[in-house]
Amino acid sequence: MSAQIHKTQKETIEACACQSYFDTVVGGGEQKEEKCAPSIFYHCYDLLGVQPGDCEMVGDTLETDIYGGLNVELKATAWINQSGIVPLKSSPFNII
């Protein structure tokens, strides 16, 4: 799942030759709502035939990736903290 346009993400995945690591790609602009909305996560579950408890979210944006994942009760979430920001309170997610 990416906020970027599907075509852009597909081209990036192909350029890296890592298609075999992805069963499906859901990109920005494909759904009525934007990433972080529960409907986007549910759409991904349906495409993959899985339940929220079967999924993990790894992302670099707290608001859309991590809190979005927490809101739909994923098995786990992991934030790739590129900014070095330290959360003010205890975090219900892993920080990479």
PDB file of N, CA and C in Angstrom:
ATOM      1  N   MET A   1       0.842  -1.146   0.000  1.00  0.00           N
ATOM      2  CA  MET A   1       0.000   0.000   0.000  1.00  0.00           C
ATOM      3  C   MET A   1       0.902   1.228   0.000  1.00  0.00           C
ATOM      4  N   SER A   2       0.610   2.126  -0.891  1.00  0.00           N
ATOM      5  CA  SER A   2       1.436   3.321  -0.995  1.00  0.00           C
ATOM      6  C   SER A   2       0.573   4.528  -1.294  1.00  0.00           C
ATOM      7  N   ALA A   3       0.956   5.668  -0.772  1.00  0.00           N
ATOM      8  CA  ALA A   3       0.257   6.909  -1.077  1.00  0.00           C
ATOM      9  C   ALA A   3       0.602   7.393  -2.477  1.00  0.00           C
ATOM     10  N   GLN A   4       1.676   6.862  -3.047  1.00  0.00           N
ATOM     11  CA  GLN A   4       2.075   7.274  -4.387  1.00  0.00           C
ATOM     12  C   GLN A   4       1.198   6.618  -5.441  1.00  0.00           C
ATOM     13  N   ILE A   5       1.131   7.232  -6.580  1.00  0.00           N
ATOM     14  CA  ILE A   5       0.322   6.728  -7.687  1.00  0.00           C
ATOM     15  C   ILE A   5       0.765   5.316  -8.051  1.00  0.00           C
ATOM     16  N   HIS A   6      -0.204   4.445  -8.275  1.00  0.00           N
ATOM     17  CA  HIS A   6       0.059   3.031  -8.546  1.00  0.00           C
ATOM     18  C   HIS A   6       1.087   2.839  -9.651  1.00  0.00           C
ATOM     19  N   LYS A   7       0.955   3.565 -10.752  1.00  0.00           N
ATOM     20  CA  LYS A   7       1.890   3.409 -11.877  1.00  0.00           C
ATOM     21  C   LYS A   7       3.318   3.710 -11.441  1.00  0.00           C
ATOM     22  N   THR A   8       3.499   4.753 -10.638  1.00  0.00           N
ATOM     23  CA  THR A   8       4.823   5.126 -10.155  1.00  0.00           C
ATOM     24  C   THR A   8       5.409   4.020  -9.287  1.00  0.00           C
ATOM     25  N   GLN A   9       4.610   3.484  -8.390  1.00  0.00           N
ATOM     26  CA  GLN A   9       5.094   2.417  -7.515  1.00  0.00           C
ATOM     27  C   GLN A   9       5.410   1.163  -8.311  1.00  0.00           C
ATOM     28  N   LYS A  10       4.565   0.829  -9.272  1.00  0.00           N
ATOM     29  CA  LYS A  10       4.809  -0.362 -10.088  1.00  0.00           C
ATOM     30  C   LYS A  10       6.124  -0.219 -10.852  1.00  0.00           C
ATOM     31  N   GLU A  11       6.380   0.955 -11.401  1.00  0.00           N
ATOM     32  CA  GLU A  11       7.632   1.198 -12.118  1.00  0.00           C
ATOM     33  C   GLU A  11       8.840   1.079 -11.182  1.00  0.00           C
ATOM     34  N   THR A  12       8.699   1.587  -9.958  1.00  0.00           N
ATOM     35  CA  THR A  12       9.786   1.495  -8.982  1.00  0.00           C
ATOM     36  C   THR A  12      10.072   0.041  -8.629  1.00  0.00           C
ATOM     37  N   ILE A  13       9.036  -0.723  -8.396  1.00  0.00           N
ATOM     38  CA  ILE A  13       9.192  -2.146  -8.059  1.00  0.00           C
ATOM     39  C   ILE A  13       9.854  -2.896  -9.203  1.00  0.00           C
ATOM     40  N   GLU A  14       9.447  -2.604 -10.421  1.00  0.00           N
ATOM     41  CA  GLU A  14      10.048  -3.258 -11.591  1.00  0.00           C
ATOM     42  C   GLU A  14      11.511  -2.851 -11.760  1.00  0.00           C
ATOM     43  N   ALA A  15      11.820  -1.579 -11.529  1.00  0.00           N
ATOM     44  CA  ALA A  15      13.201  -1.102 -11.665  1.00  0.00           C
ATOM     45  C   ALA A  15      14.120  -1.778 -10.647  1.00  0.00           C
ATOM     46  N   CYS A  16      13.578  -2.108  -9.497  1.00  0.00           N
ATOM     47  CA  CYS A  16      14.361  -2.794  -8.451  1.00  0.00           C
ATOM     48  C   CYS A  16      14.344  -4.310  -8.621  1.00  0.00           C
ATOM     49  N   ALA A  17      13.587  -4.785  -9.594  1.00  0.00           N
ATOM     50  CA  ALA A  17      13.452  -6.230  -9.849  1.00  0.00           C
ATOM     51  C   ALA A  17      13.031  -6.995  -8.597  1.00  0.00           C
ATOM     52  N   CYS A  18      12.059  -6.434  -7.888  1.00  0.00           N
ATOM     53  CA  CYS A  18      11.607  -7.104  -6.658  1.00  0.00           C
ATOM     54  C   CYS A  18      10.117  -7.459  -6.707  1.00  0.00           C
ATOM     55  N   GLN A  19       9.574  -7.682  -7.903  1.00  0.00           N
ATOM     56  CA  GLN A  19       8.173  -8.033  -8.063  1.00  0.00           C
ATOM     57  C   GLN A  19       7.795  -9.278  -7.271  1.00  0.00           C
ATOM     58  N   SER A  20       8.713 -10.212  -7.144  1.00  0.00           N
ATOM     59  CA  SER A  20       8.406 -11.473  -6.470  1.00  0.00           C
ATOM     60  C   SER A  20       8.116 -11.287  -4.977  1.00  0.00           C
ATOM     61  N   TYR A  21       8.437 -10.135  -4.427  1.00  0.00           N
ATOM     62  CA  TYR A  21       8.189  -9.886  -3.010  1.00  0.00           C
ATOM     63  C   TYR A  21       6.792  -9.326  -2.739  1.00  0.00           C
ATOM     64  N   PHE A  22       6.051  -9.015  -3.784  1.00  0.00           N
ATOM     65  CA  PHE A  22       4.738  -8.386  -3.637  1.00  0.00           C
ATOM     66  C   PHE A  22       3.665  -9.218  -4.314  1.00  0.00           C
ATOM     67  N   ASP A  23       2.605  -9.521  -3.564  1.00  0.00           N
ATOM     68  CA  ASP A  23       1.466 -10.216  -4.143  1.00  0.00           C
ATOM     69  C   ASP A  23       0.545  -9.236  -4.860  1.00  0.00           C
ATOM     70  N   THR A  24       0.486  -8.012  -4.384  1.00  0.00           N
ATOM     71  CA  THR A  24      -0.326  -6.968  -4.996  1.00  0.00           C
ATOM     72  C   THR A  24       0.209  -5.606  -4.561  1.00  0.00           C
ATOM     73  N   VAL A  25      -0.129  -4.589  -5.316  1.00  0.00           N
ATOM     74  CA  VAL A  25       0.264  -3.221  -4.981  1.00  0.00           C
ATOM     75  C   VAL A  25      -0.978  -2.347  -5.060  1.00  0.00           C
ATOM     76  N   VAL A  26      -1.236  -1.601  -4.014  1.00  0.00           N
ATOM     77  CA  VAL A  26      -2.349  -0.655  -3.992  1.00  0.00           C
ATOM     78  C   VAL A  26      -1.737   0.724  -3.855  1.00  0.00           C
ATOM     79  N   GLY A  27      -2.016   1.586  -4.823  1.00  0.00           N
ATOM     80  CA  GLY A  27      -1.410   2.910  -4.837  1.00  0.00           C
ATOM     81  C   GLY A  27      -2.414   4.027  -4.718  1.00  0.00           C
ATOM     82  N   GLY A  28      -1.893   5.202  -4.472  1.00  0.00           N
ATOM     83  CA  GLY A  28      -2.720   6.394  -4.333  1.00  0.00           C
ATOM     84  C   GLY A  28      -3.588   6.643  -5.556  1.00  0.00           C
ATOM     85  N   GLY A  29      -4.783   7.152  -5.288  1.00  0.00           N
ATOM     86  CA  GLY A  29      -5.708   7.487  -6.358  1.00  0.00           C
ATOM     87  C   GLY A  29      -6.585   6.336  -6.820  1.00  0.00           C
ATOM     88  N   GLU A  30      -6.352   5.142  -6.312  1.00  0.00           N
ATOM     89  CA  GLU A  30      -7.161   3.993  -6.726  1.00  0.00           C
ATOM     90  C   GLU A  30      -8.469   3.886  -5.949  1.00  0.00           C
ATOM     91  N   GLN A  31      -8.500   4.410  -4.755  1.00  0.00           N
ATOM     92  CA  GLN A  31      -9.661   4.309  -3.885  1.00  0.00           C
ATOM     93  C   GLN A  31     -10.271   5.688  -3.652  1.00  0.00           C
ATOM     94  N   LYS A  32     -11.518   5.705  -3.192  1.00  0.00           N
ATOM     95  CA  LYS A  32     -12.203   6.974  -2.920  1.00  0.00           C
ATOM     96  C   LYS A  32     -11.545   7.735  -1.786  1.00  0.00           C
ATOM     97  N   GLU A  33     -11.095   6.992  -0.773  1.00  0.00           N
ATOM     98  CA  GLU A  33     -10.473   7.626   0.385  1.00  0.00           C
ATOM     99  C   GLU A  33      -8.961   7.523   0.282  1.00  0.00           C
ATOM    100  N   GLU A  34      -8.278   8.340   1.059  1.00  0.00           N
ATOM    101  CA  GLU A  34      -6.825   8.334   1.048  1.00  0.00           C
ATOM    102  C   GLU A  34      -6.269   7.346   2.068  1.00  0.00           C
ATOM    103  N   LYS A  35      -4.994   7.045   1.911  1.00  0.00           N
ATOM    104  CA  LYS A  35      -4.304   6.160   2.841  1.00  0.00           C
ATOM    105  C   LYS A  35      -4.452   6.672   4.266  1.00  0.00           C
ATOM    106  N   CYS A  36      -4.647   5.777   5.142  1.00  0.00           N
ATOM    107  CA  CYS A  36      -4.920   5.962   6.556  1.00  0.00           C
ATOM    108  C   CYS A  36      -6.382   5.617   6.830  1.00  0.00           C
ATOM    109  N   ALA A  37      -7.253   5.782   5.841  1.00  0.00           N
ATOM    110  CA  ALA A  37      -8.653   5.409   6.013  1.00  0.00           C
ATOM    111  C   ALA A  37      -8.750   3.892   6.152  1.00  0.00           C
ATOM    112  N   PRO A  38      -9.547   3.412   7.084  1.00  0.00           N
ATOM    113  CA  PRO A  38      -9.695   1.972   7.260  1.00  0.00           C
ATOM    114  C   PRO A  38     -10.093   1.237   5.978  1.00  0.00           C
ATOM    115  N   SER A  39     -10.871   1.885   5.136  1.00  0.00           N
ATOM    116  CA  SER A  39     -11.324   1.221   3.896  1.00  0.00           C
ATOM    117  C   SER A  39     -10.159   0.803   3.003  1.00  0.00           C
ATOM    118  N   ILE A  40      -9.062   1.538   3.026  1.00  0.00           N
ATOM    119  CA  ILE A  40      -7.895   1.184   2.213  1.00  0.00           C
ATOM    120  C   ILE A  40      -7.278  -0.121   2.730  1.00  0.00           C
ATOM    121  N   PHE A  41      -7.158  -0.222   4.044  1.00  0.00           N
ATOM    122  CA  PHE A  41      -6.627  -1.448   4.640  1.00  0.00           C
ATOM    123  C   PHE A  41      -7.546  -2.626   4.346  1.00  0.00           C
ATOM    124  N   TYR A  42      -8.873  -2.423   4.498  1.00  0.00           N
ATOM    125  CA  TYR A  42      -9.824  -3.501   4.236  1.00  0.00           C
ATOM    126  C   TYR A  42      -9.755  -3.954   2.778  1.00  0.00           C
ATOM    127  N   HIS A  43      -9.555  -3.018   1.882  1.00  0.00           N
ATOM    128  CA  HIS A  43      -9.410  -3.357   0.464  1.00  0.00           C
ATOM    129  C   HIS A  43      -8.195  -4.271   0.263  1.00  0.00           C
ATOM    130  N   CYS A  44      -7.109  -3.944   0.920  1.00  0.00           N
ATOM    131  CA  CYS A  44      -5.893  -4.772   0.826  1.00  0.00           C
ATOM    132  C   CYS A  44      -6.139  -6.168   1.388  1.00  0.00           C
ATOM    133  N   TYR A  45      -6.829  -6.247   2.525  1.00  0.00           N
ATOM    134  CA  TYR A  45      -7.137  -7.564   3.100  1.00  0.00           C
ATOM    135  C   TYR A  45      -7.922  -8.410   2.110  1.00  0.00           C
ATOM    136  N   ASP A  46      -8.931  -7.771   1.490  1.00  0.00           N
ATOM    137  CA  ASP A  46      -9.770  -8.498   0.531  1.00  0.00           C
ATOM    138  C   ASP A  46      -8.956  -8.994  -0.659  1.00  0.00           C
ATOM    139  N   LEU A  47      -8.083  -8.134  -1.189  1.00  0.00           N
ATOM    140  CA  LEU A  47      -7.243  -8.531  -2.325  1.00  0.00           C
ATOM    141  C   LEU A  47      -6.366  -9.730  -1.994  1.00  0.00           C
ATOM    142  N   LEU A  48      -5.864  -9.747  -0.760  1.00  0.00           N
ATOM    143  CA  LEU A  48      -4.934 -10.791  -0.347  1.00  0.00           C
ATOM    144  C   LEU A  48      -5.613 -11.989   0.322  1.00  0.00           C
ATOM    145  N   GLY A  49      -6.893 -11.837   0.674  1.00  0.00           N
ATOM    146  CA  GLY A  49      -7.608 -12.914   1.341  1.00  0.00           C
ATOM    147  C   GLY A  49      -7.092 -13.185   2.747  1.00  0.00           C
ATOM    148  N   VAL A  50      -6.802 -12.112   3.488  1.00  0.00           N
ATOM    149  CA  VAL A  50      -6.248 -12.236   4.841  1.00  0.00           C
ATOM    150  C   VAL A  50      -7.090 -11.432   5.828  1.00  0.00           C
ATOM    151  N   GLN A  51      -6.794 -11.612   7.099  1.00  0.00           N
ATOM    152  CA  GLN A  51      -7.431 -10.869   8.185  1.00  0.00           C
ATOM    153  C   GLN A  51      -6.435  -9.862   8.757  1.00  0.00           C
ATOM    154  N   PRO A  52      -6.920  -8.796   9.425  1.00  0.00           N
ATOM    155  CA  PRO A  52      -6.005  -7.806  10.008  1.00  0.00           C
ATOM    156  C   PRO A  52      -4.950  -8.430  10.922  1.00  0.00           C
ATOM    157  N   GLY A  53      -5.322  -9.431  11.688  1.00  0.00           N
ATOM    158  CA  GLY A  53      -4.387 -10.076  12.603  1.00  0.00           C
ATOM    159  C   GLY A  53      -3.292 -10.854  11.908  1.00  0.00           C
ATOM    160  N   ASP A  54      -3.419 -11.029  10.590  1.00  0.00           N
ATOM    161  CA  ASP A  54      -2.397 -11.717   9.798  1.00  0.00           C
ATOM    162  C   ASP A  54      -1.370 -10.742   9.219  1.00  0.00           C
ATOM    163  N   CYS A  55      -1.602  -9.443   9.407  1.00  0.00           N
ATOM    164  CA  CYS A  55      -0.826  -8.427   8.688  1.00  0.00           C
ATOM    165  C   CYS A  55       0.046  -7.573   9.604  1.00  0.00           C
ATOM    166  N   GLU A  56       1.118  -7.094   9.012  1.00  0.00           N
ATOM    167  CA  GLU A  56       2.002  -6.144   9.677  1.00  0.00           C
ATOM    168  C   GLU A  56       2.187  -4.948   8.755  1.00  0.00           C
ATOM    169  N   MET A  57       2.330  -3.778   9.331  1.00  0.00           N
ATOM    170  CA  MET A  57       2.532  -2.554   8.557  1.00  0.00           C
ATOM    171  C   MET A  57       3.901  -2.000   8.886  1.00  0.00           C
ATOM    172  N   VAL A  58       4.692  -1.752   7.864  1.00  0.00           N
ATOM    173  CA  VAL A  58       5.981  -1.094   8.026  1.00  0.00           C
ATOM    174  C   VAL A  58       5.900   0.180   7.205  1.00  0.00           C
ATOM    175  N   GLY A  59       6.171   1.299   7.824  1.00  0.00           N
ATOM    176  CA  GLY A  59       6.071   2.545   7.097  1.00  0.00           C
ATOM    177  C   GLY A  59       6.931   3.635   7.694  1.00  0.00           C
ATOM    178  N   ASP A  60       7.046   4.728   6.955  1.00  0.00           N
ATOM    179  CA  ASP A  60       7.896   5.832   7.403  1.00  0.00           C
ATOM    180  C   ASP A  60       7.109   7.062   7.833  1.00  0.00           C
ATOM    181  N   THR A  61       5.787   6.968   7.833  1.00  0.00           N
ATOM    182  CA  THR A  61       4.964   8.102   8.230  1.00  0.00           C
ATOM    183  C   THR A  61       4.038   7.688   9.368  1.00  0.00           C
ATOM    184  N   LEU A  62       4.195   8.322  10.508  1.00  0.00           N
ATOM    185  CA  LEU A  62       3.377   7.965  11.667  1.00  0.00           C
ATOM    186  C   LEU A  62       1.888   8.113  11.392  1.00  0.00           C
ATOM    187  N   GLU A  63       1.487   9.246  10.837  1.00  0.00           N
ATOM    188  CA  GLU A  63       0.067   9.553  10.685  1.00  0.00           C
ATOM    189  C   GLU A  63      -0.657   8.584   9.755  1.00  0.00           C
ATOM    190  N   THR A  64      -0.077   8.282   8.616  1.00  0.00           N
ATOM    191  CA  THR A  64      -0.795   7.449   7.651  1.00  0.00           C
ATOM    192  C   THR A  64      -0.443   5.975   7.751  1.00  0.00           C
ATOM    193  N   ASP A  65       0.806   5.669   7.943  1.00  0.00           N
ATOM    194  CA  ASP A  65       1.226   4.271   7.971  1.00  0.00           C
ATOM    195  C   ASP A  65       0.958   3.622   9.329  1.00  0.00           C
ATOM    196  N   ILE A  66       1.513   4.198  10.353  1.00  0.00           N
ATOM    197  CA  ILE A  66       1.507   3.551  11.662  1.00  0.00           C
ATOM    198  C   ILE A  66       0.167   3.709  12.375  1.00  0.00           C
ATOM    199  N   TYR A  67      -0.325   4.935  12.511  1.00  0.00           N
ATOM    200  CA  TYR A  67      -1.612   5.112  13.179  1.00  0.00           C
ATOM    201  C   TYR A  67      -2.737   4.505  12.358  1.00  0.00           C
ATOM    202  N   GLY A  68      -2.609   4.536  11.052  1.00  0.00           N
ATOM    203  CA  GLY A  68      -3.595   3.859  10.199  1.00  0.00           C
ATOM    204  C   GLY A  68      -3.631   2.377  10.493  1.00  0.00           C
ATOM    205  N   GLY A  69      -2.464   1.766  10.618  1.00  0.00           N
ATOM    206  CA  GLY A  69      -2.375   0.341  10.936  1.00  0.00           C
ATOM    207  C   GLY A  69      -2.891   0.018  12.326  1.00  0.00           C
ATOM    208  N   LEU A  70      -2.596   0.876  13.281  1.00  0.00           N
ATOM    209  CA  LEU A  70      -3.081   0.670  14.645  1.00  0.00           C
ATOM    210  C   LEU A  70      -4.603   0.767  14.711  1.00  0.00           C
ATOM    211  N   ASN A  71      -5.178   1.665  13.928  1.00  0.00           N
ATOM    212  CA  ASN A  71      -6.626   1.864  13.934  1.00  0.00           C
ATOM    213  C   ASN A  71      -7.401   0.665  13.404  1.00  0.00           C
ATOM    214  N   VAL A  72      -6.762  -0.166  12.605  1.00  0.00           N
ATOM    215  CA  VAL A  72      -7.448  -1.345  12.054  1.00  0.00           C
ATOM    216  C   VAL A  72      -6.942  -2.637  12.681  1.00  0.00           C
ATOM    217  N   GLU A  73      -6.243  -2.496  13.801  1.00  0.00           N
ATOM    218  CA  GLU A  73      -5.823  -3.626  14.633  1.00  0.00           C
ATOM    219  C   GLU A  73      -4.964  -4.661  13.905  1.00  0.00           C
ATOM    220  N   LEU A  74      -3.957  -4.179  13.205  1.00  0.00           N
ATOM    221  CA  LEU A  74      -3.009  -5.093  12.578  1.00  0.00           C
ATOM    222  C   LEU A  74      -2.244  -5.861  13.652  1.00  0.00           C
ATOM    223  N   LYS A  75      -1.658  -6.957  13.248  1.00  0.00           N
ATOM    224  CA  LYS A  75      -0.855  -7.775  14.168  1.00  0.00           C
ATOM    225  C   LYS A  75       0.285  -6.945  14.756  1.00  0.00           C
ATOM    226  N   ALA A  76       0.939  -6.138  13.918  1.00  0.00           N
ATOM    227  CA  ALA A  76       2.063  -5.323  14.371  1.00  0.00           C
ATOM    228  C   ALA A  76       2.278  -4.154  13.413  1.00  0.00           C
ATOM    229  N   THR A  77       2.882  -3.105  13.929  1.00  0.00           N
ATOM    230  CA  THR A  77       3.284  -1.977  13.098  1.00  0.00           C
ATOM    231  C   THR A  77       4.725  -1.619  13.450  1.00  0.00           C
ATOM    232  N   ALA A  78       5.464  -1.181  12.454  1.00  0.00           N
ATOM    233  CA  ALA A  78       6.856  -0.766  12.667  1.00  0.00           C
ATOM    234  C   ALA A  78       7.106   0.530  11.914  1.00  0.00           C
ATOM    235  N   TRP A  79       7.573   1.517  12.633  1.00  0.00           N
ATOM    236  CA  TRP A  79       7.847   2.830  12.061  1.00  0.00           C
ATOM    237  C   TRP A  79       9.319   2.938  11.715  1.00  0.00           C
ATOM    238  N   ILE A  80       9.622   3.229  10.465  1.00  0.00           N
ATOM    239  CA  ILE A  80      10.993   3.508  10.037  1.00  0.00           C
ATOM    240  C   ILE A  80      11.212   4.992  10.313  1.00  0.00           C
ATOM    241  N   ASN A  81      11.880   5.273  11.394  1.00  0.00           N
ATOM    242  CA  ASN A  81      12.052   6.637  11.883  1.00  0.00           C
ATOM    243  C   ASN A  81      13.267   7.287  11.223  1.00  0.00           C
ATOM    244  N   GLN A  82      13.044   7.889  10.066  1.00  0.00           N
ATOM    245  CA  GLN A  82      14.132   8.541   9.329  1.00  0.00           C
ATOM    246  C   GLN A  82      14.456   9.917   9.889  1.00  0.00           C
ATOM    247  N   SER A  83      13.527  10.482  10.651  1.00  0.00           N
ATOM    248  CA  SER A  83      13.715  11.844  11.150  1.00  0.00           C
ATOM    249  C   SER A  83      14.444  11.899  12.485  1.00  0.00           C
ATOM    250  N   GLY A  84      14.485  10.781  13.210  1.00  0.00           N
ATOM    251  CA  GLY A  84      15.122  10.773  14.520  1.00  0.00           C
ATOM    252  C   GLY A  84      14.249  11.337  15.619  1.00  0.00           C
ATOM    253  N   ILE A  85      13.001  11.661  15.303  1.00  0.00           N
ATOM    254  CA  ILE A  85      12.066  12.181  16.300  1.00  0.00           C
ATOM    255  C   ILE A  85      11.777  11.094  17.326  1.00  0.00           C
ATOM    256  N   VAL A  86      11.739  11.481  18.586  1.00  0.00           N
ATOM    257  CA  VAL A  86      11.420  10.538  19.653  1.00  0.00           C
ATOM    258  C   VAL A  86       9.975  10.792  20.079  1.00  0.00           C
ATOM    259  N   PRO A  87       9.098   9.788  20.009  1.00  0.00           N
ATOM    260  CA  PRO A  87       7.708   9.979  20.446  1.00  0.00           C
ATOM    261  C   PRO A  87       7.667  10.407  21.911  1.00  0.00           C
ATOM    262  N   LEU A  88       6.709  11.283  22.242  1.00  0.00           N
ATOM    263  CA  LEU A  88       6.615  11.831  23.589  1.00  0.00           C
ATOM    264  C   LEU A  88       6.160  10.806  24.621  1.00  0.00           C
ATOM    265  N   LYS A  89       5.332   9.862  24.207  1.00  0.00           N
ATOM    266  CA  LYS A  89       4.842   8.870  25.160  1.00  0.00           C
ATOM    267  C   LYS A  89       5.173   7.472  24.673  1.00  0.00           C
ATOM    268  N   SER A  90       4.898   6.510  25.492  1.00  0.00           N
ATOM    269  CA  SER A  90       5.151   5.121  25.158  1.00  0.00           C
ATOM    270  C   SER A  90       4.478   4.780  23.822  1.00  0.00           C
ATOM    271  N   SER A  91       5.167   4.091  22.962  1.00  0.00           N
ATOM    272  CA  SER A  91       4.680   3.800  21.622  1.00  0.00           C
ATOM    273  C   SER A  91       4.138   2.382  21.523  1.00  0.00           C
ATOM    274  N   PRO A  92       2.921   2.229  20.958  1.00  0.00           N
ATOM    275  CA  PRO A  92       2.360   0.892  20.761  1.00  0.00           C
ATOM    276  C   PRO A  92       2.853   0.248  19.466  1.00  0.00           C
ATOM    277  N   PHE A  93       4.013   0.691  18.974  1.00  0.00           N
ATOM    278  CA  PHE A  93       4.560   0.179  17.732  1.00  0.00           C
ATOM    279  C   PHE A  93       6.069   0.066  17.869  1.00  0.00           C
ATOM    280  N   ASN A  94       6.643  -0.705  16.986  1.00  0.00           N
ATOM    281  CA  ASN A  94       8.103  -0.844  16.971  1.00  0.00           C
ATOM    282  C   ASN A  94       8.710   0.328  16.215  1.00  0.00           C
ATOM    283  N   ILE A  95       9.901   0.742  16.601  1.00  0.00           N
ATOM    284  CA  ILE A  95      10.604   1.820  15.908  1.00  0.00           C
ATOM    285  C   ILE A  95      11.898   1.261  15.348  1.00  0.00           C
ATOM    286  N   ILE A  96      12.079   1.459  14.054  1.00  0.00           N
ATOM    287  CA  ILE A  96      13.280   0.969  13.367  1.00  0.00           C
ATOM    288  C   ILE A  96      14.177   2.147  13.066  1.00  0.00           C
TER     289      ILE A  96
END
